[in-house]
Amino acid sequence: METPGPTKLVRVALEPVAGDPHAIVARALDAARAGARVLVLRNTVRDAVETQIALEALATAEDAALLFRVGEIATLHHARFAKTDRELLDQAIEMGFGKQAPAKRGVVAVATQTVQQSLDLDADLLFTDLAPMDVLLQRFGRVHRHPERHPHRPCGFDVARAVVMTGREPLDECLRATGEACGPHGAGTVYDNLLILEATRQRLARGAELHIPGENRELVEVTTHPEALQELATRLGEAWVKHWQNAWGRWFAHVNLAKLNLVERHQRFGKYSFKRTDIEERIPSRLGESDRRARFAEPPVGPFGGRVSELTLPGWLVRGAPPDPDLVPTEIRSEAGPFGMSLRFVFGGIDVIYDRLGLRPAPAAAAAPDDDMADA
């Protein structure tokens, strides 16, 4: 059966540069200086912020126009921004990478998973952290997306190119004796099944050119099918088998938890009651369910000039905060920081900063172990 739609050739290179943001942005800037649109897509907010800082440190005064901006303010794109600011970020990145963007203007944007869906972006070059194959295919879809732009691409960027960034150490160093995994760049946190990451890495290492969407089914099946993953675990050794058993057991636990908390619609009303929804009894139904909302009676001015009426605080950041689903700041102040004016808030003892790089823990709390979690 023929695959609908035009086939796109993507040249993919695996490179162990995920832990070296300076090397990444040096190449991204060189491409932008040649007129290319460059997306640098990191798995975690922490890596994205570090990459943005490295980018700004390396950029010269002549490079200022090449950096992704909201208005005149250099920034990056991720989920830890207020809703009103996210709307400005979405508009700005489509102005730089969308159909209405200048045809031959170079630009570098650092982002997370927030740009891999929904936004209609067209880049000439992509740098992306290693992720499951189905996720990478979404990201590859942001390179050479608009055929009508092909005649206007800068010299040397006539073929879609993606650099998949890995760590210098093998993935098995992220495995723990329990079978769980935790490592840098989202390995074991954002993407908890390391077998899928390893299968993806091995498949990409086999061939530098992908033809999509024609090869999509094969690419996804050989990297995510349970039989393929079990065979890979057996081949890699005991630690990987234990990790496979852990991942499979966790998946079954999630399925059974969902079944235990289904609303039984076949039961007659009056003989059946809904589950409790107190915050301490709530059953998570999606990623981010433990996030909390912070509201401001008098919205302060945010990093891009608009008013910030509320912020979403990731669940790992507000552990120990009062159980009220809406947090009210006990302290708000504006102060000059290393990245311009920032807002500093205290919520039930939780100290955070909000500026043009987004929401993050105040410096004293910045070493929180779970700050490597996904932001999607």
Protein backbone atom coordinates (compact mmCIF):
# COMPACT_ATOMS: atom_id res chain seq x y z
CA MET A 1 0.00 0.00 0.00
CA GLU A 2 1.36 3.39 -0.93
CA THR A 3 1.89 5.95 1.83
CA PRO A 4 -0.07 9.16 1.14
CA GLY A 5 1.71 12.46 0.87
CA PRO A 6 5.13 13.42 -0.47
CA THR A 7 8.24 11.64 0.78
CA LYS A 8 10.84 13.70 2.60
CA LEU A 9 14.49 12.73 2.92
CA VAL A 10 15.96 13.55 6.34
CA ARG A 11 19.68 13.15 6.91
CA VAL A 12 20.23 12.22 10.54
CA ALA A 13 23.50 12.29 12.47
CA LEU A 14 23.97 10.87 15.98
CA GLU A 15 26.44 12.97 17.96
CA PRO A 16 27.45 12.80 21.68
CA VAL A 17 27.07 16.53 22.34
CA ALA A 18 23.98 16.66 24.59
CA GLY A 19 26.09 17.67 27.58
CA ASP A 20 27.97 20.44 25.73
CA PRO A 21 25.56 23.33 25.08
CA HIS A 22 28.40 25.59 23.92
CA ALA A 23 29.30 23.19 21.09
CA ILE A 24 25.64 22.93 20.11
CA VAL A 25 24.98 26.67 19.92
CA ALA A 26 28.27 27.37 18.14
CA ARG A 27 27.08 25.24 15.22
CA ALA A 28 23.55 26.62 15.43
CA LEU A 29 24.85 30.20 15.24
CA ASP A 30 27.09 29.38 12.27
CA ALA A 31 24.08 28.00 10.40
CA ALA A 32 21.94 31.04 11.29
CA ARG A 33 24.69 33.37 10.08
CA ALA A 34 24.43 31.55 6.74
CA GLY A 35 20.70 32.39 6.65
CA ALA A 36 19.30 29.14 8.08
CA ARG A 37 16.43 28.72 10.50
CA VAL A 38 17.67 26.51 13.35
CA LEU A 39 15.66 24.77 16.07
CA VAL A 40 17.49 23.44 19.14
CA LEU A 41 15.05 21.13 20.89
CA ARG A 42 15.90 19.90 24.41
CA ASN A 43 14.03 17.29 26.44
CA THR A 44 14.10 19.24 29.71
CA VAL A 45 13.57 22.83 30.71
CA ARG A 46 16.83 22.78 32.64
CA ASP A 47 18.83 21.85 29.52
CA ALA A 48 16.89 24.36 27.43
CA VAL A 49 17.67 27.21 29.83
CA GLU A 50 21.36 26.24 29.98
CA THR A 51 21.46 26.12 26.18
CA GLN A 52 19.83 29.55 25.89
CA ILE A 53 22.36 31.02 28.34
CA ALA A 54 25.22 29.48 26.31
CA LEU A 55 23.71 30.88 23.11
CA GLU A 56 23.53 34.40 24.47
CA ALA A 57 27.06 34.17 25.87
CA LEU A 58 28.46 33.17 22.47
CA ALA A 59 26.42 35.56 20.32
CA THR A 60 28.14 38.78 19.32
CA ALA A 61 26.43 42.15 18.94
CA GLU A 62 26.12 41.40 15.21
CA ASP A 63 24.33 38.13 16.07
CA ALA A 64 21.61 39.80 18.16
CA ALA A 65 19.10 39.75 15.30
CA LEU A 66 19.58 35.98 14.93
CA LEU A 67 18.24 35.12 18.39
CA PHE A 68 14.60 34.17 18.89
CA ARG A 69 12.75 37.06 20.53
CA VAL A 70 9.41 38.28 21.75
CA GLY A 71 9.51 41.86 20.62
CA GLU A 72 12.98 43.06 21.60
CA ILE A 73 13.48 40.48 24.34
CA ALA A 74 15.60 37.36 23.69
CA THR A 75 14.01 34.24 25.11
CA LEU A 76 13.26 30.55 24.54
CA HIS A 77 10.11 28.46 24.13
CA HIS A 78 8.91 26.06 26.84
CA ALA A 79 5.85 25.37 28.99
CA ARG A 80 6.85 27.16 32.18
CA PHE A 81 5.50 30.53 31.15
CA ALA A 82 2.23 32.20 32.06
CA LYS A 83 -0.61 31.52 29.61
CA THR A 84 -0.58 35.06 28.23
CA ASP A 85 3.18 34.89 27.71
CA ARG A 86 2.90 31.45 26.05
CA GLU A 87 0.57 33.01 23.51
CA LEU A 88 3.20 35.66 22.76
CA LEU A 89 5.86 32.95 22.45
CA ASP A 90 3.71 30.94 20.03
CA GLN A 91 3.09 34.02 17.88
CA ALA A 92 6.77 34.96 17.89
CA ILE A 93 8.07 31.51 16.92
CA GLU A 94 5.60 31.26 14.05
CA MET A 95 6.76 34.72 12.93
CA GLY A 96 10.30 33.36 12.76
CA PHE A 97 9.62 29.83 11.46
CA GLY A 98 6.12 29.92 9.96
CA LYS A 99 4.80 30.52 6.45
CA GLN A 100 4.81 34.30 6.92
CA ALA A 101 8.42 34.42 8.14
CA PRO A 102 11.05 36.21 6.02
CA ALA A 103 12.34 33.74 3.43
CA LYS A 104 16.08 34.19 3.95
CA ARG A 105 16.41 35.42 7.51
CA GLY A 106 18.53 33.28 9.83
CA VAL A 107 17.27 32.57 13.34
CA VAL A 108 18.09 30.26 16.27
CA ALA A 109 15.37 29.20 18.71
CA VAL A 110 15.89 27.01 21.76
CA ALA A 111 12.79 25.09 22.79
CA THR A 112 11.38 21.96 24.42
CA GLN A 113 8.56 19.60 23.43
CA THR A 114 6.21 22.58 23.18
CA VAL A 115 7.13 23.15 19.52
CA GLN A 116 6.94 19.58 18.23
CA GLN A 117 3.14 19.63 17.76
CA SER A 118 0.40 22.13 16.88
CA LEU A 119 2.74 24.90 15.69
CA ASP A 120 3.30 25.14 11.94
CA LEU A 121 7.07 25.58 11.86
CA ASP A 122 9.65 25.09 9.11
CA ALA A 123 13.33 24.85 10.06
CA ASP A 124 16.35 24.23 7.86
CA LEU A 125 18.33 22.45 10.58
CA LEU A 126 17.29 20.67 13.77
CA PHE A 127 19.30 19.79 16.86
CA THR A 128 17.32 17.46 19.13
CA ASP A 129 17.99 15.39 22.22
CA LEU A 130 17.53 11.63 21.84
CA ALA A 131 13.87 10.70 22.34
CA PRO A 132 11.60 7.78 21.40
CA MET A 133 11.36 7.28 17.65
CA ASP A 134 7.71 8.37 17.40
CA VAL A 135 8.63 11.61 19.19
CA LEU A 136 11.63 12.18 16.93
CA LEU A 137 9.43 11.74 13.87
CA GLN A 138 7.25 14.59 15.14
CA ARG A 139 10.35 16.69 15.59
CA PHE A 140 11.69 15.78 12.14
CA GLY A 141 8.36 17.05 10.83
CA ARG A 142 9.48 20.58 11.80
CA VAL A 143 12.35 20.44 9.28
CA HIS A 144 11.61 21.29 5.61
CA ARG A 145 7.89 21.31 6.38
CA HIS A 146 6.84 23.80 3.69
CA PRO A 147 7.73 22.67 0.14
CA GLU A 148 7.05 26.14 -1.25
CA ARG A 149 10.08 27.41 0.65
CA HIS A 150 12.54 24.97 -0.97
CA PRO A 151 13.71 27.42 -3.68
CA HIS A 152 14.52 30.00 -0.99
CA ARG A 153 16.56 27.84 1.38
CA PRO A 154 20.13 28.99 2.01
CA CYS A 155 23.01 27.28 0.27
CA GLY A 156 23.91 24.00 1.95
CA PHE A 157 20.47 23.44 3.46
CA ASP A 158 18.66 22.01 0.45
CA VAL A 159 18.16 18.66 2.28
CA ALA A 160 16.45 18.35 5.67
CA ARG A 161 19.07 17.72 8.35
CA ALA A 162 18.75 16.67 11.98
CA VAL A 163 21.43 16.17 14.61
CA VAL A 164 20.24 13.76 17.32
CA MET A 165 22.22 14.58 20.44
CA THR A 166 23.20 11.86 22.91
CA GLY A 167 25.24 11.87 26.08
CA ARG A 168 28.86 10.75 26.04
CA GLU A 169 28.13 7.87 28.41
CA PRO A 170 26.09 4.80 27.36
CA LEU A 171 22.48 4.60 28.48
CA ASP A 172 23.08 1.59 30.70
CA GLU A 173 24.85 3.92 33.14
CA CYS A 174 21.40 5.40 33.86
CA LEU A 175 20.08 2.04 35.10
CA ARG A 176 19.68 1.42 38.81
CA ALA A 177 19.82 -1.90 40.65
CA THR A 178 16.03 -1.74 41.10
CA GLY A 179 15.47 -1.69 37.35
CA GLU A 180 14.46 1.96 37.40
CA ALA A 181 16.35 4.56 35.41
CA CYS A 182 17.45 8.13 35.99
CA GLY A 183 19.94 10.04 33.91
CA PRO A 184 20.65 13.34 32.18
CA HIS A 185 18.77 14.92 29.29
CA GLY A 186 15.44 13.29 30.15
CA ALA A 187 16.66 9.66 30.19
CA GLY A 188 14.55 7.89 32.79
CA THR A 189 12.61 11.02 33.78
CA VAL A 190 10.94 12.54 30.74
CA TYR A 191 11.23 9.22 28.88
CA ASP A 192 11.29 6.46 31.47
CA ASN A 193 11.71 3.43 29.17
CA LEU A 194 15.39 3.37 28.29
CA LEU A 195 14.94 0.35 26.04
CA ILE A 196 12.92 2.49 23.65
CA LEU A 197 15.68 5.12 23.69
CA GLU A 198 18.37 2.49 23.11
CA ALA A 199 16.36 0.85 20.30
CA THR A 200 15.92 4.27 18.70
CA ARG A 201 19.61 5.05 19.01
CA GLN A 202 20.58 1.72 17.44
CA ARG A 203 18.13 2.13 14.57
CA LEU A 204 19.38 5.63 13.78
CA ALA A 205 22.97 4.40 13.90
CA ARG A 206 22.16 1.90 11.14
CA GLY A 207 21.25 4.49 8.55
CA ALA A 208 21.97 8.17 8.11
CA GLU A 209 19.05 8.81 5.74
CA LEU A 210 15.37 8.40 6.55
CA HIS A 211 12.53 8.57 4.04
CA ILE A 212 9.41 9.76 5.83
CA PRO A 213 6.54 9.11 6.05
CA GLY A 214 7.24 5.99 3.97
CA GLU A 215 9.49 4.43 6.64
CA ASN A 216 7.50 5.65 9.65
CA ARG A 217 5.79 2.34 10.42
CA GLU A 218 9.01 0.34 10.33
CA LEU A 219 10.84 2.96 12.39
CA VAL A 220 8.20 2.97 15.13
CA GLU A 221 7.63 -0.80 15.24
CA VAL A 222 11.29 -1.80 15.57
CA THR A 223 11.78 0.70 18.40
CA THR A 224 8.56 0.36 20.42
CA HIS A 225 6.99 -3.07 19.83
CA PRO A 226 7.10 -5.16 23.06
CA GLU A 227 8.58 -8.20 21.31
CA ALA A 228 11.36 -6.12 19.78
CA LEU A 229 12.11 -4.49 23.13
CA GLN A 230 12.14 -7.80 25.02
CA GLU A 231 14.54 -9.27 22.46
CA LEU A 232 16.79 -6.21 22.80
CA ALA A 233 16.78 -6.45 26.61
CA THR A 234 17.79 -10.11 26.45
CA ARG A 235 20.62 -9.29 24.08
CA LEU A 236 21.89 -6.38 26.22
CA GLY A 237 22.07 -8.34 29.48
CA GLU A 238 20.65 -8.79 32.96
CA ALA A 239 20.43 -5.10 33.95
CA TRP A 240 18.36 -4.35 30.85
CA VAL A 241 16.10 -7.39 31.45
CA LYS A 242 15.38 -6.06 34.94
CA HIS A 243 14.66 -2.63 33.50
CA TRP A 244 12.30 -4.20 30.95
CA GLN A 245 10.45 -6.06 33.71
CA ASN A 246 10.22 -2.83 35.70
CA ALA A 247 8.88 -0.84 32.74
CA TRP A 248 6.37 -3.55 31.80
CA GLY A 249 5.16 -3.89 35.39
CA ARG A 250 4.76 -0.13 35.71
CA TRP A 251 2.69 -0.06 32.54
CA PHE A 252 0.38 -2.80 33.85
CA ALA A 253 0.06 -0.97 37.18
CA HIS A 254 -1.03 2.21 35.42
CA VAL A 255 -3.59 0.30 33.34
CA ASN A 256 -5.03 -1.46 36.39
CA LEU A 257 -5.16 1.79 38.38
CA ALA A 258 -7.15 3.35 35.56
CA LYS A 259 -9.55 0.38 35.45
CA LEU A 260 -10.10 0.53 39.21
CA ASN A 261 -11.13 4.17 38.94
CA LEU A 262 -13.37 4.05 35.89
CA VAL A 263 -16.84 5.53 36.22
CA GLU A 264 -19.21 2.56 35.91
CA ARG A 265 -21.84 4.06 33.64
CA HIS A 266 -23.87 0.85 33.47
CA GLN A 267 -24.74 1.14 37.18
CA ARG A 268 -28.14 2.67 37.98
CA PHE A 269 -27.94 6.17 39.41
CA GLY A 270 -28.58 6.02 43.15
CA LYS A 271 -26.70 2.74 43.59
CA TYR A 272 -23.41 4.18 42.46
CA SER A 273 -21.43 7.18 43.65
CA PHE A 274 -18.58 8.98 41.93
CA LYS A 275 -15.05 8.77 43.27
CA ARG A 276 -13.96 11.40 45.75
CA THR A 277 -12.20 14.40 44.25
CA ASP A 278 -10.51 15.88 47.32
CA ILE A 279 -7.03 16.94 46.27
CA GLU A 280 -5.36 14.29 48.46
CA GLU A 281 -7.66 11.61 47.00
CA ARG A 282 -7.49 12.63 43.37
CA ILE A 283 -6.50 9.99 40.81
CA PRO A 284 -4.17 11.48 38.18
CA SER A 285 -5.70 11.23 34.72
CA ARG A 286 -3.00 12.98 32.71
CA LEU A 287 0.56 14.24 32.92
CA GLY A 288 0.77 17.38 34.99
CA GLU A 289 -2.20 16.50 37.22
CA SER A 290 -0.16 17.38 40.32
CA ASP A 291 0.62 20.86 39.02
CA ARG A 292 -0.76 23.76 41.02
CA ARG A 293 -2.11 27.15 40.01
CA ALA A 294 -0.91 30.40 41.52
CA ARG A 295 -3.25 33.38 41.28
CA PHE A 296 -2.49 37.07 41.74
CA ALA A 297 -5.08 39.51 43.07
CA GLU A 298 -3.08 42.36 41.52
CA PRO A 299 -1.35 40.90 38.43
CA PRO A 300 2.27 42.05 38.17
CA VAL A 301 3.95 43.01 34.90
CA GLY A 302 5.65 39.99 33.29
CA PRO A 303 8.91 39.75 31.33
CA PHE A 304 7.29 40.69 28.00
CA GLY A 305 5.32 43.66 29.28
CA GLY A 306 1.93 42.00 29.84
CA ARG A 307 0.17 41.34 33.12
CA VAL A 308 0.60 37.94 34.76
CA SER A 309 -2.69 36.94 36.39
CA GLU A 310 -1.74 33.33 37.17
CA LEU A 311 1.09 30.82 36.85
CA THR A 312 1.15 27.03 36.75
CA LEU A 313 3.69 25.57 39.16
CA PRO A 314 4.97 22.04 38.36
CA GLY A 315 4.09 19.45 40.99
CA TRP A 316 7.72 18.66 41.92
CA LEU A 317 8.30 22.33 42.77
CA VAL A 318 5.40 22.69 45.20
CA ARG A 319 5.81 19.55 47.26
CA GLY A 320 5.01 20.44 50.85
CA ALA A 321 2.87 23.44 49.91
CA PRO A 322 -0.63 23.71 51.46
CA PRO A 323 -3.19 21.35 49.83
CA ASP A 324 -5.33 24.21 48.49
CA PRO A 325 -5.39 23.78 44.65
CA ASP A 326 -4.97 27.56 44.22
CA LEU A 327 -1.83 29.05 45.78
CA VAL A 328 -1.76 32.70 46.81
CA PRO A 329 1.67 34.36 47.02
CA THR A 330 2.70 35.58 50.45
CA GLU A 331 5.42 37.76 48.94
CA ILE A 332 5.92 39.38 45.52
CA ARG A 333 8.82 41.57 44.52
CA SER A 334 10.45 42.78 41.34
CA GLU A 335 14.24 42.77 41.22
CA ALA A 336 17.10 43.12 38.77
CA GLY A 337 18.64 39.76 37.97
CA PRO A 338 21.30 38.41 35.63
CA PHE A 339 18.65 38.05 32.89
CA GLY A 340 16.95 41.43 33.26
CA MET A 341 14.07 42.30 35.52
CA SER A 342 12.54 39.30 37.24
CA LEU A 343 9.58 38.62 39.49
CA ARG A 344 10.22 36.72 42.69
CA PHE A 345 7.33 34.98 44.46
CA VAL A 346 6.92 33.02 47.65
CA PHE A 347 4.06 30.48 47.84
CA GLY A 348 3.69 28.67 51.15
CA GLY A 349 7.46 28.69 51.65
CA ILE A 350 8.19 27.86 47.96
CA ASP A 351 10.53 30.49 46.47
CA VAL A 352 10.46 30.93 42.66
CA ILE A 353 11.65 33.32 39.98
CA TYR A 354 9.82 34.30 36.80
CA ASP A 355 11.61 36.19 34.03
CA ARG A 356 12.33 36.01 30.30
CA LEU A 357 13.76 32.49 30.76
CA GLY A 358 10.52 31.30 32.38
CA LEU A 359 9.56 29.97 35.79
CA ARG A 360 12.21 28.19 37.87
CA PRO A 361 13.28 27.74 41.48
CA ALA A 362 15.06 30.63 43.18
CA PRO A 363 18.85 30.03 43.34
CA ALA A 364 18.81 28.53 46.84
CA ALA A 365 16.35 25.83 45.67
CA ALA A 366 17.65 25.39 42.12
CA ALA A 367 19.34 22.06 42.85
CA ALA A 368 16.02 20.26 43.36
CA PRO A 369 16.56 16.69 41.99
CA ASP A 370 13.33 16.63 40.01
CA ASP A 371 13.98 19.84 38.13
CA ASP A 372 14.86 17.60 35.17
CA MET A 373 11.24 16.59 34.61
CA ALA A 374 9.25 17.12 31.44
CA ASP A 375 7.41 20.36 30.89
CA ALA A 376 4.90 19.17 28.30
